[in-house]
N, C-alpha and C. Protein backbone atom coordinates (compact mmCIF):
# COMPACT_ATOMS: atom_id res chain seq x y z
N UNK A 1 115.02 111.38 127.27
CA UNK A 1 115.95 110.74 126.61
C UNK A 1 115.00 110.78 125.01
N UNK A 2 115.78 111.82 124.23
CA UNK A 2 115.43 111.72 123.10
C UNK A 2 115.64 110.52 122.31
N UNK A 3 114.87 110.01 121.15
CA UNK A 3 114.78 109.03 120.35
C UNK A 3 115.44 109.49 118.68
N UNK A 4 116.11 108.81 118.14
CA UNK A 4 116.36 109.49 117.11
C UNK A 4 115.94 108.12 116.19
N UNK A 5 115.09 108.42 115.02
CA UNK A 5 114.69 107.36 114.12
C UNK A 5 114.54 107.48 113.04
N UNK A 6 115.03 106.10 112.75
CA UNK A 6 115.52 105.82 111.14
C UNK A 6 114.14 105.21 110.39
N UNK A 7 113.89 106.33 109.02
CA UNK A 7 112.41 105.95 108.39
C UNK A 7 113.01 105.39 107.07
N UNK A 8 113.13 104.11 106.62
CA UNK A 8 113.16 103.19 105.55
C UNK A 8 111.83 103.27 104.74
N UNK A 9 111.73 103.92 103.64
CA UNK A 9 110.13 104.20 102.94
C UNK A 9 111.13 104.53 101.73
N UNK A 10 110.09 103.61 100.95
CA UNK A 10 110.63 104.44 99.14
C UNK A 10 109.57 105.28 99.08
N UNK A 11 108.29 105.36 99.57
CA UNK A 11 107.06 106.30 99.20
C UNK A 11 107.89 107.64 100.06
N UNK A 12 108.01 108.46 99.06
CA UNK A 12 107.79 110.12 99.78
C UNK A 12 107.10 110.46 100.72
N UNK A 13 105.79 110.49 99.85
CA UNK A 13 104.78 111.08 100.62
C UNK A 13 104.72 109.68 102.23
N UNK A 14 105.15 108.87 102.00
CA UNK A 14 104.33 107.73 103.51
C UNK A 14 105.60 108.20 104.27
N UNK A 15 106.70 108.38 103.78
CA UNK A 15 108.02 109.20 104.49
C UNK A 15 107.55 110.45 104.99
N UNK A 16 106.93 111.42 104.68
CA UNK A 16 106.13 112.51 105.49
C UNK A 16 105.10 112.24 106.20
N UNK A 17 104.19 111.51 105.90
CA UNK A 17 103.57 110.80 107.09
C UNK A 17 103.55 110.36 108.13
N UNK A 18 104.96 109.46 108.18
CA UNK A 18 105.86 108.95 109.21
C UNK A 18 106.08 109.88 110.25
N UNK A 19 106.90 110.92 109.03
CA UNK A 19 107.61 111.53 110.18
C UNK A 19 107.01 112.83 111.15
N UNK A 20 105.27 112.93 110.22
CA UNK A 20 104.62 114.28 110.92
C UNK A 20 104.19 113.01 111.93
N UNK A 21 103.73 111.91 112.12
CA UNK A 21 103.07 111.29 112.96
C UNK A 21 103.84 110.88 114.24
N UNK A 22 104.98 110.66 113.89
CA UNK A 22 106.03 110.63 115.49
C UNK A 22 106.61 112.21 115.78
N UNK A 23 106.27 113.46 115.00
CA UNK A 23 106.16 114.32 115.46
C UNK A 23 104.99 114.98 115.88
N UNK A 24 103.92 114.47 116.10
CA UNK A 24 102.75 114.74 116.82
C UNK A 24 102.74 115.14 117.86
N UNK A 25 102.19 116.20 118.54
CA UNK A 25 102.07 116.63 119.35
C UNK A 25 101.34 115.65 120.53
N UNK A 26 100.83 114.69 120.17
CA UNK A 26 100.29 113.37 120.96
C UNK A 26 101.21 112.04 121.31
N UNK A 27 102.44 112.21 120.66
CA UNK A 27 103.52 111.25 120.92
C UNK A 27 104.05 111.84 122.38
N UNK A 28 104.47 110.31 122.79
CA UNK A 28 104.48 110.61 124.59
C UNK A 28 105.79 110.28 125.15
N UNK A 29 106.93 110.52 123.59
CA UNK A 29 108.47 110.28 124.05
C UNK A 29 108.94 111.56 123.29
N UNK A 30 110.06 111.66 123.12
CA UNK A 30 111.16 112.89 123.10
C UNK A 30 111.61 112.63 121.55
N UNK A 31 111.23 113.19 120.69
CA UNK A 31 111.98 112.71 119.46
C UNK A 31 113.48 113.51 119.22
N UNK A 32 114.18 112.99 118.73
CA UNK A 32 115.58 113.45 118.69
C UNK A 32 116.09 113.88 117.09
N UNK A 33 116.81 112.86 116.31
CA UNK A 33 116.67 113.11 115.12
C UNK A 33 116.16 112.10 114.68
N UNK A 34 115.26 112.73 113.24
CA UNK A 34 114.96 111.77 112.17
C UNK A 34 115.81 112.09 110.78
N UNK A 35 116.11 110.45 110.55
CA UNK A 35 116.77 110.52 109.22
C UNK A 35 115.93 109.35 108.38
N UNK A 36 115.95 109.66 107.20
CA UNK A 36 115.25 109.16 106.26
C UNK A 36 115.99 108.14 105.06
N UNK A 37 115.84 107.19 104.76
CA UNK A 37 116.05 106.60 103.68
C UNK A 37 114.79 106.03 102.13
N UNK A 38 115.44 105.59 101.62
CA UNK A 38 114.39 105.29 100.53
C UNK A 38 114.00 103.61 100.24
N UNK A 39 115.33 103.48 100.87
CA UNK A 39 115.48 101.66 100.54
C UNK A 39 116.37 100.59 101.81
N UNK A 40 116.68 99.81 101.76
CA UNK A 40 117.09 99.24 103.07
C UNK A 40 118.72 99.68 102.74
N UNK A 41 119.29 99.58 101.58
CA UNK A 41 121.01 100.12 101.08
C UNK A 41 121.09 101.48 101.62
N UNK A 42 120.10 101.98 101.59
CA UNK A 42 120.39 103.99 102.00
C UNK A 42 120.49 103.68 103.49
N UNK A 43 119.53 103.08 104.12
CA UNK A 43 119.04 102.44 105.47
C UNK A 43 120.14 102.02 106.18
N UNK A 44 121.21 101.11 105.34
CA UNK A 44 122.14 100.80 106.31
C UNK A 44 123.27 101.67 106.09
N UNK A 45 123.39 102.75 104.95
CA UNK A 45 124.21 103.89 105.25
C UNK A 45 124.23 104.68 106.23
N UNK A 46 122.70 104.81 106.85
CA UNK A 46 122.37 105.93 107.92
C UNK A 46 123.01 105.09 108.83
N UNK A 47 122.72 103.91 109.43
CA UNK A 47 123.08 103.30 110.85
C UNK A 47 124.57 103.54 110.36
N UNK A 48 125.42 103.32 109.63
CA UNK A 48 126.95 103.17 109.56
C UNK A 48 127.82 104.52 109.99
N UNK A 49 126.62 105.50 109.77
CA UNK A 49 127.16 107.04 110.50
C UNK A 49 126.38 107.81 111.19
N UNK A 50 124.90 107.31 111.56
CA UNK A 50 124.18 108.03 112.54
C UNK A 50 124.16 107.28 113.96
N UNK A 51 123.47 107.52 115.14
CA UNK A 51 123.13 107.07 116.25
C UNK A 51 121.81 106.87 116.19
N UNK A 52 121.04 105.56 115.75
CA UNK A 52 119.89 105.59 115.59
C UNK A 52 119.38 104.74 116.82
N UNK A 53 117.74 104.92 117.26
CA UNK A 53 117.69 104.46 118.83
C UNK A 53 116.50 103.46 118.32
N UNK A 54 115.99 103.67 116.97
CA UNK A 54 114.57 102.50 116.36
C UNK A 54 114.43 103.08 115.22
N UNK A 55 114.18 101.87 114.37
CA UNK A 55 114.11 101.64 112.70
C UNK A 55 112.44 101.50 112.58
N UNK A 56 111.90 102.49 111.48
CA UNK A 56 110.67 102.45 110.66
C UNK A 56 110.61 102.03 109.40
N UNK A 57 110.44 100.52 109.26
CA UNK A 57 110.84 99.86 107.86
C UNK A 57 109.54 99.30 106.75
N UNK A 58 109.47 99.93 105.96
CA UNK A 58 108.56 99.30 104.72
C UNK A 58 109.19 98.07 104.18
N UNK A 59 108.35 97.38 103.83
CA UNK A 59 109.00 95.78 103.53
C UNK A 59 109.61 95.56 101.90
N UNK A 60 108.33 96.20 101.15
CA UNK A 60 108.73 96.39 99.41
C UNK A 60 109.13 98.23 98.88
N UNK A 61 110.51 97.58 99.04
CA UNK A 61 111.29 98.71 98.19
C UNK A 61 112.25 98.31 97.18
N UNK A 62 112.68 99.07 96.28
CA UNK A 62 113.83 98.60 95.54
C UNK A 62 114.96 98.37 95.96
N UNK A 63 116.29 97.96 95.17
CA UNK A 63 117.66 98.07 96.02
C UNK A 63 117.40 96.53 96.81
N UNK A 64 116.95 97.00 97.94
CA UNK A 64 117.12 96.39 98.96
C UNK A 64 115.83 96.62 99.60
N UNK A 65 114.98 95.49 100.02
CA UNK A 65 114.17 95.34 100.53
C UNK A 65 114.03 95.77 102.23
N UNK A 66 112.91 95.61 102.73
CA UNK A 66 113.22 95.66 104.11
C UNK A 66 113.27 94.18 105.05
N UNK A 67 112.89 93.64 104.87
CA UNK A 67 113.25 92.02 105.13
C UNK A 67 114.95 92.04 105.19
N UNK A 68 115.19 92.19 103.99
CA UNK A 68 116.91 92.08 103.47
C UNK A 68 117.46 92.91 104.90
N UNK A 69 116.69 94.31 104.34
CA UNK A 69 118.00 94.73 105.53
C UNK A 69 117.88 94.58 106.88
N UNK A 70 116.79 94.47 106.93
CA UNK A 70 116.49 94.04 108.77
C UNK A 70 117.08 92.56 109.02
N UNK A 71 117.34 91.66 108.39
CA UNK A 71 117.70 90.70 107.98
C UNK A 71 119.55 91.01 108.37
N UNK A 72 120.09 91.73 107.55
CA UNK A 72 121.22 92.04 107.73
C UNK A 72 121.71 92.95 109.35
N UNK A 73 120.57 93.67 109.34
CA UNK A 73 121.09 94.51 110.63
C UNK A 73 120.87 93.63 112.11
N UNK A 74 120.06 93.12 112.17
CA UNK A 74 120.20 91.73 113.06
C UNK A 74 120.98 90.66 113.29
N UNK A 75 122.25 90.49 112.07
CA UNK A 75 123.03 89.83 112.18
C UNK A 75 124.07 90.40 112.43
N UNK A 76 124.37 91.88 112.33
CA UNK A 76 125.23 92.81 112.77
C UNK A 76 125.47 93.02 113.61
N UNK A 77 126.74 93.04 114.64
CA UNK A 77 126.98 93.34 116.12
C UNK A 77 126.57 94.62 116.37
N UNK A 78 127.08 95.49 115.43
CA UNK A 78 126.64 96.71 115.87
C UNK A 78 125.30 97.32 115.58
N UNK A 79 124.45 96.40 115.06
CA UNK A 79 123.13 96.97 114.69
C UNK A 79 121.85 96.06 115.32
N UNK A 80 122.41 94.92 115.56
CA UNK A 80 121.38 93.88 116.00
C UNK A 80 120.67 94.32 117.18
N UNK A 81 120.85 95.21 117.94
CA UNK A 81 120.18 95.58 119.33
C UNK A 81 119.29 97.07 118.94
N UNK A 82 119.24 97.37 117.70
CA UNK A 82 118.38 98.19 117.49
C UNK A 82 117.02 97.82 117.18
N UNK A 83 115.81 98.38 118.08
CA UNK A 83 114.43 98.24 117.48
C UNK A 83 113.72 98.52 116.32
N UNK A 84 113.01 97.52 115.64
CA UNK A 84 112.45 97.65 114.29
C UNK A 84 110.76 97.50 114.27
N UNK A 85 110.41 98.21 113.71
CA UNK A 85 108.74 98.19 113.56
C UNK A 85 108.54 98.26 111.89
N UNK A 86 108.01 97.34 111.81
CA UNK A 86 107.60 97.04 110.05
C UNK A 86 106.35 97.97 109.80
N UNK A 87 106.51 98.48 108.71
CA UNK A 87 105.62 99.58 108.25
C UNK A 87 104.88 99.08 107.13
N UNK A 88 104.01 98.17 107.18
CA UNK A 88 103.65 97.91 105.58
C UNK A 88 102.20 97.39 105.03
N UNK A 89 101.49 97.13 104.03
CA UNK A 89 100.20 97.06 103.74
C UNK A 89 100.48 95.36 103.94
N UNK A 90 101.54 94.80 103.88
CA UNK A 90 101.79 93.17 104.02
C UNK A 90 100.29 92.51 104.70
N UNK A 91 99.53 91.44 104.43
CA UNK A 91 98.27 90.88 104.89
C UNK A 91 98.93 89.58 104.95
N UNK A 92 100.19 88.69 104.76
CA UNK A 92 100.86 87.74 104.95
C UNK A 92 100.92 87.50 106.13
N UNK A 93 100.21 86.26 106.79
CA UNK A 93 100.03 85.66 108.12
C UNK A 93 101.32 85.40 108.54
N UNK A 94 101.93 84.42 108.15
CA UNK A 94 103.01 83.93 108.18
C UNK A 94 104.22 84.80 108.05
N UNK A 95 104.66 85.84 107.14
CA UNK A 95 105.37 86.71 107.64
C UNK A 95 105.03 87.66 108.39
N UNK A 96 104.09 88.25 108.70
CA UNK A 96 103.76 88.93 110.08
C UNK A 96 104.37 88.25 111.55
N UNK A 97 104.09 86.61 111.40
CA UNK A 97 103.97 86.05 112.37
C UNK A 97 105.75 86.08 112.65
N UNK A 98 106.43 85.70 111.24
CA UNK A 98 107.85 85.82 111.70
C UNK A 98 108.52 86.84 111.88
N UNK A 99 108.16 88.07 111.65
CA UNK A 99 108.09 89.68 112.21
C UNK A 99 108.14 89.85 113.55
N UNK A 100 107.00 89.17 114.23
CA UNK A 100 106.88 89.53 115.60
C UNK A 100 107.64 88.76 116.57
N UNK A 101 108.02 87.13 115.80
CA UNK A 101 108.94 85.96 116.80
C UNK A 101 110.46 86.44 116.74
N UNK A 102 110.78 87.80 115.79
CA UNK A 102 112.03 88.18 115.87
C UNK A 102 112.40 89.45 116.80
N UNK A 103 110.71 90.07 117.16
CA UNK A 103 110.91 90.60 118.57
C UNK A 103 110.63 92.09 117.30
N UNK A 104 110.22 92.21 116.51
CA UNK A 104 109.92 93.36 115.90
C UNK A 104 108.54 93.88 116.17
N UNK A 105 108.00 95.43 116.06
CA UNK A 105 106.63 95.60 115.50
C UNK A 105 106.62 95.55 114.66
N UNK A 106 105.30 95.82 114.18
CA UNK A 106 104.43 95.77 113.13
C UNK A 106 103.00 96.50 112.98
N UNK A 107 103.01 97.69 112.19
CA UNK A 107 101.58 98.03 112.17
C UNK A 107 102.11 98.25 110.25
N UNK A 108 100.05 98.20 110.53
CA UNK A 108 100.13 97.82 108.75
C UNK A 108 99.35 99.17 108.64
N UNK A 109 99.60 99.64 107.15
CA UNK A 109 99.43 100.65 106.45
C UNK A 109 97.93 100.91 105.88
N UNK A 110 97.17 101.64 106.48
CA UNK A 110 97.49 103.21 106.44
C UNK A 110 97.35 102.66 108.65
N UNK A 111 98.25 103.69 108.84
CA UNK A 111 98.40 103.64 110.14
C UNK A 111 97.55 104.62 111.31
N UNK A 112 97.22 104.40 112.21
CA UNK A 112 97.09 105.43 112.69
C UNK A 112 98.23 106.02 114.00
N UNK A 113 97.96 107.26 114.08
CA UNK A 113 99.08 107.68 115.42
C UNK A 113 99.45 106.63 116.41
N UNK A 114 98.12 106.68 117.10
CA UNK A 114 97.60 106.02 118.42
C UNK A 114 98.49 104.10 118.06
N UNK A 115 98.47 103.59 117.31
CA UNK A 115 98.70 102.14 117.08
C UNK A 115 100.70 102.43 116.81
N UNK A 116 101.49 103.35 116.17
CA UNK A 116 102.25 103.79 115.85
C UNK A 116 103.00 103.96 117.48
N UNK A 117 102.31 105.02 117.95
CA UNK A 117 103.44 105.44 119.11
C UNK A 117 103.28 104.26 120.24
N UNK A 118 102.17 103.63 120.29
CA UNK A 118 102.19 102.12 121.02
C UNK A 118 102.97 101.12 120.56
N UNK A 119 103.35 101.03 119.49
CA UNK A 119 104.60 100.00 119.33
C UNK A 119 105.94 100.55 119.35
N UNK A 120 105.96 101.40 119.22
CA UNK A 120 107.45 102.48 119.56
C UNK A 120 107.56 102.49 121.11
N UNK A 121 106.31 102.82 121.73
CA UNK A 121 106.36 102.72 123.18
C UNK A 121 106.95 101.44 123.86
N UNK A 122 106.51 100.52 123.32
CA UNK A 122 106.60 98.96 123.90
C UNK A 122 108.26 98.39 123.51
N UNK A 123 108.45 98.81 122.26
CA UNK A 123 110.03 98.51 121.57
C UNK A 123 111.10 99.22 122.60
N UNK A 124 110.53 100.48 122.84
CA UNK A 124 111.76 101.09 123.55
C UNK A 124 111.63 100.85 125.17
N UNK A 125 110.63 100.40 125.79
CA UNK A 125 110.71 99.67 127.29
C UNK A 125 110.94 98.64 127.08
N UNK A 126 110.93 97.42 126.23
CA UNK A 126 111.58 96.20 125.90
C UNK A 126 113.20 96.61 126.09
N UNK A 127 113.32 97.38 125.35
CA UNK A 127 115.29 97.57 124.97
C UNK A 127 115.95 98.55 126.32
C-alpha cells in the first residue's frame, strides 16, 4: 500500500529534507503522493482536497501553527483519523507529553532517517 504524506513546514529547506528522508531507499514503506504546505491553514486546504494517510507537522509556523492545525484536524470528523508526527525543535516536556498522549508521534529536529521511519511505521501499523 502506498502512503500519501502531507508535510506542513514553513521552512523550505526543511521541507526538502523531510521529502528526501521519506523518499530515501532505506524507507521500508511505499510512498505515494507527497503534498506540502507552508502553514497549518494551507495544510487544512490540502486535507480538504487530497487523500492523506499521514501528516508530518512543524509546531512553529506563521498564519496557523502546527498545534492549531492538529487541534482542528483531530476535532474534524473527516480528518481525525489521520495520524500525525510532530517534527519540531521544541524541548518543552509538557508539550511533547501532551502530543504523545494524543497518539501523535514526535521527532526532534535535527532528525534522522531511522527515527522518522520508525515513527511513521509505528503510526501506520497502529491505524
